[in-house]
Amino acid sequence: MKLYRYLLDQDAKVTLKAIAEPQAEYAGLLDMFEKTLAHEREVTAAVNDLVDAALTAKDHATNIFLHWFVTEQIEEEATVKDIIARLRLVGDRGEGLYLIDKELADSAARVTQAAIAQAN
């Protein structure tokens, strides 16, 4: 929505197309997160292509706008890599998976609280 709104603010014509349904079956948690990392890397490449296009066109406003996405992708890839490392460490052990799940839930709650505080 952030990109959509930006494009509308720039008087661009926006055509939304269908998005392919994501994969729903995985060999396990590790497989799912490895595929998630591959997807995040594709998103990072797409964002980098947009930044390159903005720089080539000397579109400074769009370049600055895209910096948020660059930073976001750095964080997303780091988070997924951290989860993969933890999954490799604990394997299929229930207690390890429980601790990872709890840490991720706590982290999500902190992010939500920060977003609410920033909005106010």
PDB file of N, CA and C in Angstrom:
ATOM      1  N   MET A   1       0.823  -1.186   0.000  1.00  0.00           N
ATOM      2  CA  MET A   1       0.000   0.000   0.000  1.00  0.00           C
ATOM      3  C   MET A   1       0.872   1.257   0.000  1.00  0.00           C
ATOM      4  N   LYS A   2       2.017   1.160   0.631  1.00  0.00           N
ATOM      5  CA  LYS A   2       2.922   2.310   0.688  1.00  0.00           C
ATOM      6  C   LYS A   2       3.343   2.718  -0.733  1.00  0.00           C
ATOM      7  N   LEU A   3       3.712   1.737  -1.543  1.00  0.00           N
ATOM      8  CA  LEU A   3       4.082   2.017  -2.940  1.00  0.00           C
ATOM      9  C   LEU A   3       2.883   2.530  -3.731  1.00  0.00           C
ATOM     10  N   TYR A   4       1.752   1.901  -3.535  1.00  0.00           N
ATOM     11  CA  TYR A   4       0.525   2.280  -4.235  1.00  0.00           C
ATOM     12  C   TYR A   4       0.189   3.746  -3.954  1.00  0.00           C
ATOM     13  N   ARG A   5       0.190   4.119  -2.687  1.00  0.00           N
ATOM     14  CA  ARG A   5      -0.123   5.506  -2.319  1.00  0.00           C
ATOM     15  C   ARG A   5       0.904   6.482  -2.892  1.00  0.00           C
ATOM     16  N   TYR A   6       2.170   6.096  -2.842  1.00  0.00           N
ATOM     17  CA  TYR A   6       3.214   6.972  -3.381  1.00  0.00           C
ATOM     18  C   TYR A   6       2.979   7.214  -4.872  1.00  0.00           C
ATOM     19  N   LEU A   7       2.707   6.143  -5.602  1.00  0.00           N
ATOM     20  CA  LEU A   7       2.475   6.276  -7.037  1.00  0.00           C
ATOM     21  C   LEU A   7       1.261   7.152  -7.325  1.00  0.00           C
ATOM     22  N   LEU A   8       0.193   6.985  -6.572  1.00  0.00           N
ATOM     23  CA  LEU A   8      -0.984   7.840  -6.753  1.00  0.00           C
ATOM     24  C   LEU A   8      -0.652   9.296  -6.450  1.00  0.00           C
ATOM     25  N   ASP A   9       0.137   9.526  -5.398  1.00  0.00           N
ATOM     26  CA  ASP A   9       0.544  10.893  -5.060  1.00  0.00           C
ATOM     27  C   ASP A   9       1.390  11.525  -6.166  1.00  0.00           C
ATOM     28  N   GLN A  10       2.075  10.673  -6.928  1.00  0.00           N
ATOM     29  CA  GLN A  10       2.912  11.158  -8.026  1.00  0.00           C
ATOM     30  C   GLN A  10       2.140  11.220  -9.348  1.00  0.00           C
ATOM     31  N   ASP A  11       0.813  11.053  -9.272  1.00  0.00           N
ATOM     32  CA  ASP A  11      -0.077  11.076 -10.444  1.00  0.00           C
ATOM     33  C   ASP A  11       0.231   9.970 -11.447  1.00  0.00           C
ATOM     34  N   ALA A  12       0.754   8.860 -10.970  1.00  0.00           N
ATOM     35  CA  ALA A  12       1.034   7.724 -11.852  1.00  0.00           C
ATOM     36  C   ALA A  12      -0.231   6.894 -12.008  1.00  0.00           C
ATOM     37  N   LYS A  13      -0.358   6.251 -13.142  1.00  0.00           N
ATOM     38  CA  LYS A  13      -1.456   5.324 -13.366  1.00  0.00           C
ATOM     39  C   LYS A  13      -1.029   3.979 -12.779  1.00  0.00           C
ATOM     40  N   VAL A  14      -1.869   3.427 -11.915  1.00  0.00           N
ATOM     41  CA  VAL A  14      -1.548   2.173 -11.244  1.00  0.00           C
ATOM     42  C   VAL A  14      -2.521   1.099 -11.711  1.00  0.00           C
ATOM     43  N   THR A  15      -1.967   0.003 -12.184  1.00  0.00           N
ATOM     44  CA  THR A  15      -2.777  -1.144 -12.571  1.00  0.00           C
ATOM     45  C   THR A  15      -2.360  -2.318 -11.694  1.00  0.00           C
ATOM     46  N   LEU A  16      -3.297  -2.780 -10.885  1.00  0.00           N
ATOM     47  CA  LEU A  16      -3.011  -3.909 -10.004  1.00  0.00           C
ATOM     48  C   LEU A  16      -3.324  -5.211 -10.730  1.00  0.00           C
ATOM     49  N   LYS A  17      -2.423  -6.165 -10.618  1.00  0.00           N
ATOM     50  CA  LYS A  17      -2.600  -7.460 -11.262  1.00  0.00           C
ATOM     51  C   LYS A  17      -2.680  -8.552 -10.215  1.00  0.00           C
ATOM     52  N   ALA A  18      -3.169  -9.695 -10.624  1.00  0.00           N
ATOM     53  CA  ALA A  18      -3.297 -10.829  -9.710  1.00  0.00           C
ATOM     54  C   ALA A  18      -1.922 -11.280  -9.229  1.00  0.00           C
ATOM     55  N   ILE A  19      -1.890 -11.744  -8.007  1.00  0.00           N
ATOM     56  CA  ILE A  19      -0.664 -12.279  -7.418  1.00  0.00           C
ATOM     57  C   ILE A  19      -0.841 -13.787  -7.306  1.00  0.00           C
ATOM     58  N   ALA A  20       0.187 -14.515  -7.691  1.00  0.00           N
ATOM     59  CA  ALA A  20       0.121 -15.976  -7.612  1.00  0.00           C
ATOM     60  C   ALA A  20      -0.033 -16.418  -6.164  1.00  0.00           C
ATOM     61  N   GLU A  21      -0.808 -17.472  -5.969  1.00  0.00           N
ATOM     62  CA  GLU A  21      -1.002 -18.024  -4.642  1.00  0.00           C
ATOM     63  C   GLU A  21       0.321 -18.579  -4.128  1.00  0.00           C
ATOM     64  N   PRO A  22       0.659 -18.281  -2.878  1.00  0.00           N
ATOM     65  CA  PRO A  22       1.935 -18.792  -2.348  1.00  0.00           C
ATOM     66  C   PRO A  22       1.884 -20.295  -2.105  1.00  0.00           C
ATOM     67  N   GLN A  23       3.035 -20.882  -2.080  1.00  0.00           N
ATOM     68  CA  GLN A  23       3.159 -22.306  -1.769  1.00  0.00           C
ATOM     69  C   GLN A  23       2.593 -22.561  -0.383  1.00  0.00           C
ATOM     70  N   ALA A  24       1.864 -23.645  -0.224  1.00  0.00           N
ATOM     71  CA  ALA A  24       1.244 -23.941   1.062  1.00  0.00           C
ATOM     72  C   ALA A  24       1.823 -25.178   1.735  1.00  0.00           C
ATOM     73  N   GLU A  25       2.516 -26.008   0.986  1.00  0.00           N
ATOM     74  CA  GLU A  25       3.072 -27.241   1.541  1.00  0.00           C
ATOM     75  C   GLU A  25       4.595 -27.157   1.527  1.00  0.00           C
ATOM     76  N   TYR A  26       5.195 -27.565   2.640  1.00  0.00           N
ATOM     77  CA  TYR A  26       6.646 -27.535   2.772  1.00  0.00           C
ATOM     78  C   TYR A  26       7.125 -28.838   3.396  1.00  0.00           C
ATOM     79  N   ALA A  27       8.376 -29.156   3.182  1.00  0.00           N
ATOM     80  CA  ALA A  27       8.965 -30.368   3.753  1.00  0.00           C
ATOM     81  C   ALA A  27       9.134 -30.239   5.270  1.00  0.00           C
ATOM     82  N   GLY A  28       9.122 -29.034   5.775  1.00  0.00           N
ATOM     83  CA  GLY A  28       9.280 -28.778   7.204  1.00  0.00           C
ATOM     84  C   GLY A  28       9.523 -27.299   7.436  1.00  0.00           C
ATOM     85  N   LEU A  29       9.720 -26.934   8.687  1.00  0.00           N
ATOM     86  CA  LEU A  29       9.950 -25.525   9.029  1.00  0.00           C
ATOM     87  C   LEU A  29      11.195 -24.959   8.361  1.00  0.00           C
ATOM     88  N   LEU A  30      12.275 -25.731   8.392  1.00  0.00           N
ATOM     89  CA  LEU A  30      13.520 -25.246   7.791  1.00  0.00           C
ATOM     90  C   LEU A  30      13.328 -24.984   6.307  1.00  0.00           C
ATOM     91  N   ASP A  31      12.671 -25.905   5.609  1.00  0.00           N
ATOM     92  CA  ASP A  31      12.393 -25.734   4.183  1.00  0.00           C
ATOM     93  C   ASP A  31      11.564 -24.473   3.943  1.00  0.00           C
ATOM     94  N   MET A  32      10.556 -24.246   4.779  1.00  0.00           N
ATOM     95  CA  MET A  32       9.702 -23.075   4.625  1.00  0.00           C
ATOM     96  C   MET A  32      10.512 -21.786   4.779  1.00  0.00           C
ATOM     97  N   PHE A  33      11.364 -21.741   5.803  1.00  0.00           N
ATOM     98  CA  PHE A  33      12.130 -20.522   6.023  1.00  0.00           C
ATOM     99  C   PHE A  33      13.238 -20.338   4.985  1.00  0.00           C
ATOM    100  N   GLU A  34      13.790 -21.417   4.461  1.00  0.00           N
ATOM    101  CA  GLU A  34      14.767 -21.289   3.372  1.00  0.00           C
ATOM    102  C   GLU A  34      14.100 -20.724   2.120  1.00  0.00           C
ATOM    103  N   LYS A  35      12.873 -21.151   1.855  1.00  0.00           N
ATOM    104  CA  LYS A  35      12.123 -20.603   0.710  1.00  0.00           C
ATOM    105  C   LYS A  35      11.716 -19.152   0.979  1.00  0.00           C
ATOM    106  N   THR A  36      11.435 -18.855   2.241  1.00  0.00           N
ATOM    107  CA  THR A  36      11.123 -17.473   2.616  1.00  0.00           C
ATOM    108  C   THR A  36      12.326 -16.571   2.369  1.00  0.00           C
ATOM    109  N   LEU A  37      13.519 -17.043   2.733  1.00  0.00           N
ATOM    110  CA  LEU A  37      14.730 -16.259   2.502  1.00  0.00           C
ATOM    111  C   LEU A  37      14.956 -16.044   1.006  1.00  0.00           C
ATOM    112  N   ALA A  38      14.748 -17.072   0.205  1.00  0.00           N
ATOM    113  CA  ALA A  38      14.897 -16.927  -1.245  1.00  0.00           C
ATOM    114  C   ALA A  38      13.927 -15.871  -1.774  1.00  0.00           C
ATOM    115  N   HIS A  39      12.698 -15.892  -1.256  1.00  0.00           N
ATOM    116  CA  HIS A  39      11.706 -14.885  -1.680  1.00  0.00           C
ATOM    117  C   HIS A  39      12.138 -13.478  -1.253  1.00  0.00           C
ATOM    118  N   GLU A  40      12.601 -13.343  -0.023  1.00  0.00           N
ATOM    119  CA  GLU A  40      13.056 -12.026   0.451  1.00  0.00           C
ATOM    120  C   GLU A  40      14.209 -11.511  -0.403  1.00  0.00           C
ATOM    121  N   ARG A  41      15.074 -12.411  -0.831  1.00  0.00           N
ATOM    122  CA  ARG A  41      16.178 -11.994  -1.706  1.00  0.00           C
ATOM    123  C   ARG A  41      15.664 -11.524  -3.062  1.00  0.00           C
ATOM    124  N   GLU A  42      14.596 -12.147  -3.563  1.00  0.00           N
ATOM    125  CA  GLU A  42      13.975 -11.688  -4.811  1.00  0.00           C
ATOM    126  C   GLU A  42      13.376 -10.295  -4.627  1.00  0.00           C
ATOM    127  N   VAL A  43      12.726 -10.080  -3.485  1.00  0.00           N
ATOM    128  CA  VAL A  43      12.153  -8.761  -3.190  1.00  0.00           C
ATOM    129  C   VAL A  43      13.263  -7.720  -3.093  1.00  0.00           C
ATOM    130  N   THR A  44      14.358  -8.069  -2.425  1.00  0.00           N
ATOM    131  CA  THR A  44      15.497  -7.155  -2.313  1.00  0.00           C
ATOM    132  C   THR A  44      16.026  -6.786  -3.696  1.00  0.00           C
ATOM    133  N   ALA A  45      16.160  -7.767  -4.576  1.00  0.00           N
ATOM    134  CA  ALA A  45      16.640  -7.496  -5.940  1.00  0.00           C
ATOM    135  C   ALA A  45      15.680  -6.558  -6.668  1.00  0.00           C
ATOM    136  N   ALA A  46      14.377  -6.751  -6.483  1.00  0.00           N
ATOM    137  CA  ALA A  46      13.389  -5.884  -7.137  1.00  0.00           C
ATOM    138  C   ALA A  46      13.484  -4.452  -6.598  1.00  0.00           C
ATOM    139  N   VAL A  47      13.648  -4.312  -5.291  1.00  0.00           N
ATOM    140  CA  VAL A  47      13.800  -2.978  -4.697  1.00  0.00           C
ATOM    141  C   VAL A  47      15.071  -2.323  -5.221  1.00  0.00           C
ATOM    142  N   ASN A  48      16.159  -3.077  -5.282  1.00  0.00           N
ATOM    143  CA  ASN A  48      17.414  -2.535  -5.807  1.00  0.00           C
ATOM    144  C   ASN A  48      17.262  -2.091  -7.258  1.00  0.00           C
ATOM    145  N   ASP A  49      16.515  -2.848  -8.058  1.00  0.00           N
ATOM    146  CA  ASP A  49      16.254  -2.456  -9.447  1.00  0.00           C
ATOM    147  C   ASP A  49      15.486  -1.136  -9.507  1.00  0.00           C
ATOM    148  N   LEU A  50      14.522  -0.962  -8.598  1.00  0.00           N
ATOM    149  CA  LEU A  50      13.777   0.299  -8.555  1.00  0.00           C
ATOM    150  C   LEU A  50      14.684   1.467  -8.173  1.00  0.00           C
ATOM    151  N   VAL A  51      15.562   1.242  -7.198  1.00  0.00           N
ATOM    152  CA  VAL A  51      16.505   2.293  -6.797  1.00  0.00           C
ATOM    153  C   VAL A  51      17.415   2.648  -7.972  1.00  0.00           C
ATOM    154  N   ASP A  52      17.924   1.631  -8.666  1.00  0.00           N
ATOM    155  CA  ASP A  52      18.771   1.879  -9.841  1.00  0.00           C
ATOM    156  C   ASP A  52      18.030   2.702 -10.896  1.00  0.00           C
ATOM    157  N   ALA A  53      16.770   2.356 -11.134  1.00  0.00           N
ATOM    158  CA  ALA A  53      15.977   3.095 -12.125  1.00  0.00           C
ATOM    159  C   ALA A  53      15.765   4.539 -11.677  1.00  0.00           C
ATOM    160  N   ALA A  54      15.490   4.741 -10.401  1.00  0.00           N
ATOM    161  CA  ALA A  54      15.304   6.102  -9.884  1.00  0.00           C
ATOM    162  C   ALA A  54      16.581   6.917 -10.013  1.00  0.00           C
ATOM    163  N   LEU A  55      17.720   6.300  -9.711  1.00  0.00           N
ATOM    164  CA  LEU A  55      18.996   7.007  -9.830  1.00  0.00           C
ATOM    165  C   LEU A  55      19.299   7.346 -11.291  1.00  0.00           C
ATOM    166  N   THR A  56      19.040   6.394 -12.187  1.00  0.00           N
ATOM    167  CA  THR A  56      19.282   6.628 -13.615  1.00  0.00           C
ATOM    168  C   THR A  56      18.421   7.774 -14.133  1.00  0.00           C
ATOM    169  N   ALA A  57      17.169   7.829 -13.666  1.00  0.00           N
ATOM    170  CA  ALA A  57      16.244   8.868 -14.101  1.00  0.00           C
ATOM    171  C   ALA A  57      16.434  10.182 -13.336  1.00  0.00           C
ATOM    172  N   LYS A  58      17.370  10.175 -12.379  1.00  0.00           N
ATOM    173  CA  LYS A  58      17.589  11.338 -11.506  1.00  0.00           C
ATOM    174  C   LYS A  58      16.299  11.748 -10.798  1.00  0.00           C
ATOM    175  N   ASP A  59      15.524  10.733 -10.422  1.00  0.00           N
ATOM    176  CA  ASP A  59      14.273  10.929  -9.689  1.00  0.00           C
ATOM    177  C   ASP A  59      14.596  10.843  -8.197  1.00  0.00           C
ATOM    178  N   HIS A  60      15.026  11.967  -7.648  1.00  0.00           N
ATOM    179  CA  HIS A  60      15.511  12.002  -6.277  1.00  0.00           C
ATOM    180  C   HIS A  60      14.415  11.716  -5.250  1.00  0.00           C
ATOM    181  N   ALA A  61      13.195  12.178  -5.521  1.00  0.00           N
ATOM    182  CA  ALA A  61      12.098  11.923  -4.583  1.00  0.00           C
ATOM    183  C   ALA A  61      11.837  10.422  -4.457  1.00  0.00           C
ATOM    184  N   THR A  62      11.795   9.722  -5.580  1.00  0.00           N
ATOM    185  CA  THR A  62      11.559   8.282  -5.540  1.00  0.00           C
ATOM    186  C   THR A  62      12.739   7.562  -4.902  1.00  0.00           C
ATOM    187  N   ASN A  63      13.933   7.996  -5.196  1.00  0.00           N
ATOM    188  CA  ASN A  63      15.114   7.391  -4.586  1.00  0.00           C
ATOM    189  C   ASN A  63      15.031   7.480  -3.061  1.00  0.00           C
ATOM    190  N   ILE A  64      14.709   8.657  -2.563  1.00  0.00           N
ATOM    191  CA  ILE A  64      14.597   8.843  -1.115  1.00  0.00           C
ATOM    192  C   ILE A  64      13.460   7.989  -0.556  1.00  0.00           C
ATOM    193  N   PHE A  65      12.331   7.964  -1.247  1.00  0.00           N
ATOM    194  CA  PHE A  65      11.191   7.155  -0.813  1.00  0.00           C
ATOM    195  C   PHE A  65      11.573   5.683  -0.700  1.00  0.00           C
ATOM    196  N   LEU A  66      12.360   5.194  -1.627  1.00  0.00           N
ATOM    197  CA  LEU A  66      12.729   3.777  -1.656  1.00  0.00           C
ATOM    198  C   LEU A  66      13.716   3.380  -0.556  1.00  0.00           C
ATOM    199  N   HIS A  67      14.365   4.339   0.065  1.00  0.00           N
ATOM    200  CA  HIS A  67      15.327   4.019   1.133  1.00  0.00           C
ATOM    201  C   HIS A  67      14.664   3.228   2.255  1.00  0.00           C
ATOM    202  N   TRP A  68      13.399   3.532   2.564  1.00  0.00           N
ATOM    203  CA  TRP A  68      12.681   2.795   3.595  1.00  0.00           C
ATOM    204  C   TRP A  68      12.626   1.310   3.236  1.00  0.00           C
ATOM    205  N   PHE A  69      12.358   1.011   1.959  1.00  0.00           N
ATOM    206  CA  PHE A  69      12.252  -0.373   1.517  1.00  0.00           C
ATOM    207  C   PHE A  69      13.607  -1.083   1.548  1.00  0.00           C
ATOM    208  N   VAL A  70      14.662  -0.351   1.225  1.00  0.00           N
ATOM    209  CA  VAL A  70      16.011  -0.929   1.288  1.00  0.00           C
ATOM    210  C   VAL A  70      16.312  -1.347   2.730  1.00  0.00           C
ATOM    211  N   THR A  71      16.054  -0.441   3.656  1.00  0.00           N
ATOM    212  CA  THR A  71      16.296  -0.729   5.074  1.00  0.00           C
ATOM    213  C   THR A  71      15.417  -1.884   5.550  1.00  0.00           C
ATOM    214  N   GLU A  72      14.170  -1.886   5.138  1.00  0.00           N
ATOM    215  CA  GLU A  72      13.239  -2.946   5.528  1.00  0.00           C
ATOM    216  C   GLU A  72      13.722  -4.306   5.038  1.00  0.00           C
ATOM    217  N   GLN A  73      14.230  -4.374   3.820  1.00  0.00           N
ATOM    218  CA  GLN A  73      14.705  -5.655   3.283  1.00  0.00           C
ATOM    219  C   GLN A  73      15.950  -6.146   4.004  1.00  0.00           C
ATOM    220  N   ILE A  74      16.811  -5.238   4.414  1.00  0.00           N
ATOM    221  CA  ILE A  74      17.977  -5.634   5.208  1.00  0.00           C
ATOM    222  C   ILE A  74      17.497  -6.315   6.488  1.00  0.00           C
ATOM    223  N   GLU A  75      16.510  -5.709   7.149  1.00  0.00           N
ATOM    224  CA  GLU A  75      15.971  -6.272   8.389  1.00  0.00           C
ATOM    225  C   GLU A  75      15.270  -7.605   8.141  1.00  0.00           C
ATOM    226  N   GLU A  76      14.482  -7.689   7.071  1.00  0.00           N
ATOM    227  CA  GLU A  76      13.739  -8.927   6.780  1.00  0.00           C
ATOM    228  C   GLU A  76      14.692 -10.089   6.524  1.00  0.00           C
ATOM    229  N   GLU A  77      15.698  -9.857   5.699  1.00  0.00           N
ATOM    230  CA  GLU A  77      16.647 -10.932   5.410  1.00  0.00           C
ATOM    231  C   GLU A  77      17.398 -11.354   6.678  1.00  0.00           C
ATOM    232  N   ALA A  78      17.796 -10.399   7.486  1.00  0.00           N
ATOM    233  CA  ALA A  78      18.514 -10.719   8.720  1.00  0.00           C
ATOM    234  C   ALA A  78      17.636 -11.532   9.662  1.00  0.00           C
ATOM    235  N   THR A  79      16.369 -11.182   9.769  1.00  0.00           N
ATOM    236  CA  THR A  79      15.448 -11.911  10.643  1.00  0.00           C
ATOM    237  C   THR A  79      15.286 -13.351  10.181  1.00  0.00           C
ATOM    238  N   VAL A  80      15.082 -13.538   8.888  1.00  0.00           N
ATOM    239  CA  VAL A  80      14.885 -14.896   8.371  1.00  0.00           C
ATOM    240  C   VAL A  80      16.171 -15.711   8.517  1.00  0.00           C
ATOM    241  N   LYS A  81      17.329 -15.097   8.258  1.00  0.00           N
ATOM    242  CA  LYS A  81      18.596 -15.817   8.436  1.00  0.00           C
ATOM    243  C   LYS A  81      18.788 -16.241   9.891  1.00  0.00           C
ATOM    244  N   ASP A  82      18.386 -15.382  10.819  1.00  0.00           N
ATOM    245  CA  ASP A  82      18.477 -15.707  12.242  1.00  0.00           C
ATOM    246  C   ASP A  82      17.566 -16.890  12.582  1.00  0.00           C
ATOM    247  N   ILE A  83      16.357 -16.893  12.063  1.00  0.00           N
ATOM    248  CA  ILE A  83      15.430 -18.001  12.315  1.00  0.00           C
ATOM    249  C   ILE A  83      15.995 -19.298  11.740  1.00  0.00           C
ATOM    250  N   ILE A  84      16.546 -19.238  10.535  1.00  0.00           N
ATOM    251  CA  ILE A  84      17.142 -20.437   9.921  1.00  0.00           C
ATOM    252  C   ILE A  84      18.285 -20.973  10.792  1.00  0.00           C
ATOM    253  N   ALA A  85      19.135 -20.090  11.269  1.00  0.00           N
ATOM    254  CA  ALA A  85      20.247 -20.523  12.125  1.00  0.00           C
ATOM    255  C   ALA A  85      19.720 -21.186  13.393  1.00  0.00           C
ATOM    256  N   ARG A  86      18.677 -20.633  13.988  1.00  0.00           N
ATOM    257  CA  ARG A  86      18.097 -21.217  15.200  1.00  0.00           C
ATOM    258  C   ARG A  86      17.477 -22.576  14.906  1.00  0.00           C
ATOM    259  N   LEU A  87      16.774 -22.678  13.770  1.00  0.00           N
ATOM    260  CA  LEU A  87      16.156 -23.961  13.413  1.00  0.00           C
ATOM    261  C   LEU A  87      17.222 -25.032  13.169  1.00  0.00           C
ATOM    262  N   ARG A  88      18.314 -24.651  12.550  1.00  0.00           N
ATOM    263  CA  ARG A  88      19.394 -25.620  12.338  1.00  0.00           C
ATOM    264  C   ARG A  88      19.997 -26.062  13.667  1.00  0.00           C
ATOM    265  N   LEU A  89      20.015 -25.166  14.627  1.00  0.00           N
ATOM    266  CA  LEU A  89      20.570 -25.476  15.933  1.00  0.00           C
ATOM    267  C   LEU A  89      19.672 -26.426  16.729  1.00  0.00           C
ATOM    268  N   VAL A  90      18.366 -26.161  16.732  1.00  0.00           N
ATOM    269  CA  VAL A  90      17.462 -26.958  17.575  1.00  0.00           C
ATOM    270  C   VAL A  90      16.847 -28.148  16.853  1.00  0.00           C
ATOM    271  N   GLY A  91      16.870 -28.136  15.523  1.00  0.00           N
ATOM    272  CA  GLY A  91      16.280 -29.243  14.782  1.00  0.00           C
ATOM    273  C   GLY A  91      14.787 -29.336  15.017  1.00  0.00           C
ATOM    274  N   ASP A  92      14.289 -30.559  15.185  1.00  0.00           N
ATOM    275  CA  ASP A  92      12.855 -30.793  15.374  1.00  0.00           C
ATOM    276  C   ASP A  92      12.453 -30.896  16.841  1.00  0.00           C
ATOM    277  N   ARG A  93      13.354 -30.567  17.738  1.00  0.00           N
ATOM    278  CA  ARG A  93      13.057 -30.695  19.168  1.00  0.00           C
ATOM    279  C   ARG A  93      11.988 -29.688  19.575  1.00  0.00           C
ATOM    280  N   GLY A  94      10.940 -30.203  20.172  1.00  0.00           N
ATOM    281  CA  GLY A  94       9.786 -29.383  20.538  1.00  0.00           C
ATOM    282  C   GLY A  94      10.110 -28.224  21.451  1.00  0.00           C
ATOM    283  N   GLU A  95      10.960 -28.469  22.446  1.00  0.00           N
ATOM    284  CA  GLU A  95      11.265 -27.395  23.400  1.00  0.00           C
ATOM    285  C   GLU A  95      12.030 -26.249  22.712  1.00  0.00           C
ATOM    286  N   GLY A  96      12.905 -26.583  21.784  1.00  0.00           N
ATOM    287  CA  GLY A  96      13.631 -25.548  21.039  1.00  0.00           C
ATOM    288  C   GLY A  96      12.700 -24.764  20.137  1.00  0.00           C
ATOM    289  N   LEU A  97      11.795 -25.467  19.472  1.00  0.00           N
ATOM    290  CA  LEU A  97      10.813 -24.802  18.606  1.00  0.00           C
ATOM    291  C   LEU A  97       9.897 -23.898  19.427  1.00  0.00           C
ATOM    292  N   TYR A  98       9.530 -24.364  20.621  1.00  0.00           N
ATOM    293  CA  TYR A  98       8.696 -23.551  21.512  1.00  0.00           C
ATOM    294  C   TYR A  98       9.415 -22.248  21.868  1.00  0.00           C
ATOM    295  N   LEU A  99      10.693 -22.323  22.208  1.00  0.00           N
ATOM    296  CA  LEU A  99      11.448 -21.124  22.588  1.00  0.00           C
ATOM    297  C   LEU A  99      11.573 -20.157  21.408  1.00  0.00           C
ATOM    298  N   ILE A 100      11.832 -20.698  20.212  1.00  0.00           N
ATOM    299  CA  ILE A 100      11.906 -19.837  19.024  1.00  0.00           C
ATOM    300  C   ILE A 100      10.563 -19.147  18.811  1.00  0.00           C
ATOM    301  N   ASP A 101       9.471 -19.910  18.900  1.00  0.00           N
ATOM    302  CA  ASP A 101       8.130 -19.354  18.709  1.00  0.00           C
ATOM    303  C   ASP A 101       7.846 -18.256  19.732  1.00  0.00           C
ATOM    304  N   LYS A 102       8.208 -18.502  20.977  1.00  0.00           N
ATOM    305  CA  LYS A 102       7.978 -17.511  22.034  1.00  0.00           C
ATOM    306  C   LYS A 102       8.780 -16.238  21.776  1.00  0.00           C
ATOM    307  N   GLU A 103      10.043 -16.378  21.386  1.00  0.00           N
ATOM    308  CA  GLU A 103      10.874 -15.203  21.095  1.00  0.00           C
ATOM    309  C   GLU A 103      10.315 -14.403  19.917  1.00  0.00           C
ATOM    310  N   LEU A 104       9.846 -15.101  18.893  1.00  0.00           N
ATOM    311  CA  LEU A 104       9.272 -14.410  17.737  1.00  0.00           C
ATOM    312  C   LEU A 104       7.978 -13.689  18.112  1.00  0.00           C
ATOM    313  N   ALA A 105       7.151 -14.310  18.946  1.00  0.00           N
ATOM    314  CA  ALA A 105       5.917 -13.674  19.397  1.00  0.00           C
ATOM    315  C   ALA A 105       6.226 -12.432  20.223  1.00  0.00           C
ATOM    316  N   ASP A 106       7.210 -12.534  21.121  1.00  0.00           N
ATOM    317  CA  ASP A 106       7.614 -11.380  21.933  1.00  0.00           C
ATOM    318  C   ASP A 106       8.139 -10.251  21.051  1.00  0.00           C
ATOM    319  N   SER A 107       8.923 -10.605  20.051  1.00  0.00           N
ATOM    320  CA  SER A 107       9.472  -9.612  19.125  1.00  0.00           C
ATOM    321  C   SER A 107       8.353  -8.937  18.339  1.00  0.00           C
ATOM    322  N   ALA A 108       7.393  -9.715  17.870  1.00  0.00           N
ATOM    323  CA  ALA A 108       6.259  -9.152  17.124  1.00  0.00           C
ATOM    324  C   ALA A 108       5.454  -8.203  18.002  1.00  0.00           C
ATOM    325  N   ALA A 109       5.281  -8.549  19.260  1.00  0.00           N
ATOM    326  CA  ALA A 109       4.543  -7.682  20.183  1.00  0.00           C
ATOM    327  C   ALA A 109       5.272  -6.362  20.392  1.00  0.00           C
ATOM    328  N   ARG A 110       6.606  -6.418  20.512  1.00  0.00           N
ATOM    329  CA  ARG A 110       7.393  -5.186  20.679  1.00  0.00           C
ATOM    330  C   ARG A 110       7.276  -4.296  19.441  1.00  0.00           C
ATOM    331  N   VAL A 111       7.327  -4.893  18.268  1.00  0.00           N
ATOM    332  CA  VAL A 111       7.202  -4.122  17.028  1.00  0.00           C
ATOM    333  C   VAL A 111       5.834  -3.473  16.946  1.00  0.00           C
ATOM    334  N   THR A 112       4.803  -4.215  17.298  1.00  0.00           N
ATOM    335  CA  THR A 112       3.442  -3.675  17.292  1.00  0.00           C
ATOM    336  C   THR A 112       3.313  -2.523  18.269  1.00  0.00           C
ATOM    337  N   GLN A 113       3.828  -2.685  19.466  1.00  0.00           N
ATOM    338  CA  GLN A 113       3.772  -1.621  20.471  1.00  0.00           C
ATOM    339  C   GLN A 113       4.520  -0.368  19.998  1.00  0.00           C
ATOM    340  N   ALA A 114       5.666  -0.567  19.366  1.00  0.00           N
ATOM    341  CA  ALA A 114       6.440   0.570  18.851  1.00  0.00           C
ATOM    342  C   ALA A 114       5.678   1.282  17.746  1.00  0.00           C
ATOM    343  N   ALA A 115       5.017   0.528  16.882  1.00  0.00           N
ATOM    344  CA  ALA A 115       4.246   1.127  15.792  1.00  0.00           C
ATOM    345  C   ALA A 115       3.073   1.926  16.342  1.00  0.00           C
ATOM    346  N   ILE A 116       2.420   1.400  17.356  1.00  0.00           N
ATOM    347  CA  ILE A 116       1.302   2.112  17.985  1.00  0.00           C
ATOM    348  C   ILE A 116       1.803   3.394  18.637  1.00  0.00           C
ATOM    349  N   ALA A 117       2.922   3.305  19.331  1.00  0.00           N
ATOM    350  CA  ALA A 117       3.482   4.494  19.986  1.00  0.00           C
ATOM    351  C   ALA A 117       3.889   5.544  18.962  1.00  0.00           C
ATOM    352  N   GLN A 118       4.439   5.093  17.844  1.00  0.00           N
ATOM    353  CA  GLN A 118       4.848   6.042  16.800  1.00  0.00           C
ATOM    354  C   GLN A 118       3.656   6.711  16.144  1.00  0.00           C
ATOM    355  N   ALA A 119       2.543   5.973  16.014  1.00  0.00           N
ATOM    356  CA  ALA A 119       1.343   6.520  15.388  1.00  0.00           C
ATOM    357  C   ALA A 119       0.679   7.573  16.274  1.00  0.00           C
ATOM    358  N   ASN A 120       0.901   7.447  17.578  1.00  0.00           N
ATOM    359  CA  ASN A 120       0.265   8.413  18.519  1.00  0.00           C
ATOM    360  C   ASN A 120       1.146   9.573  18.689  1.00  0.00           C
TER     361      ASN A 120
END
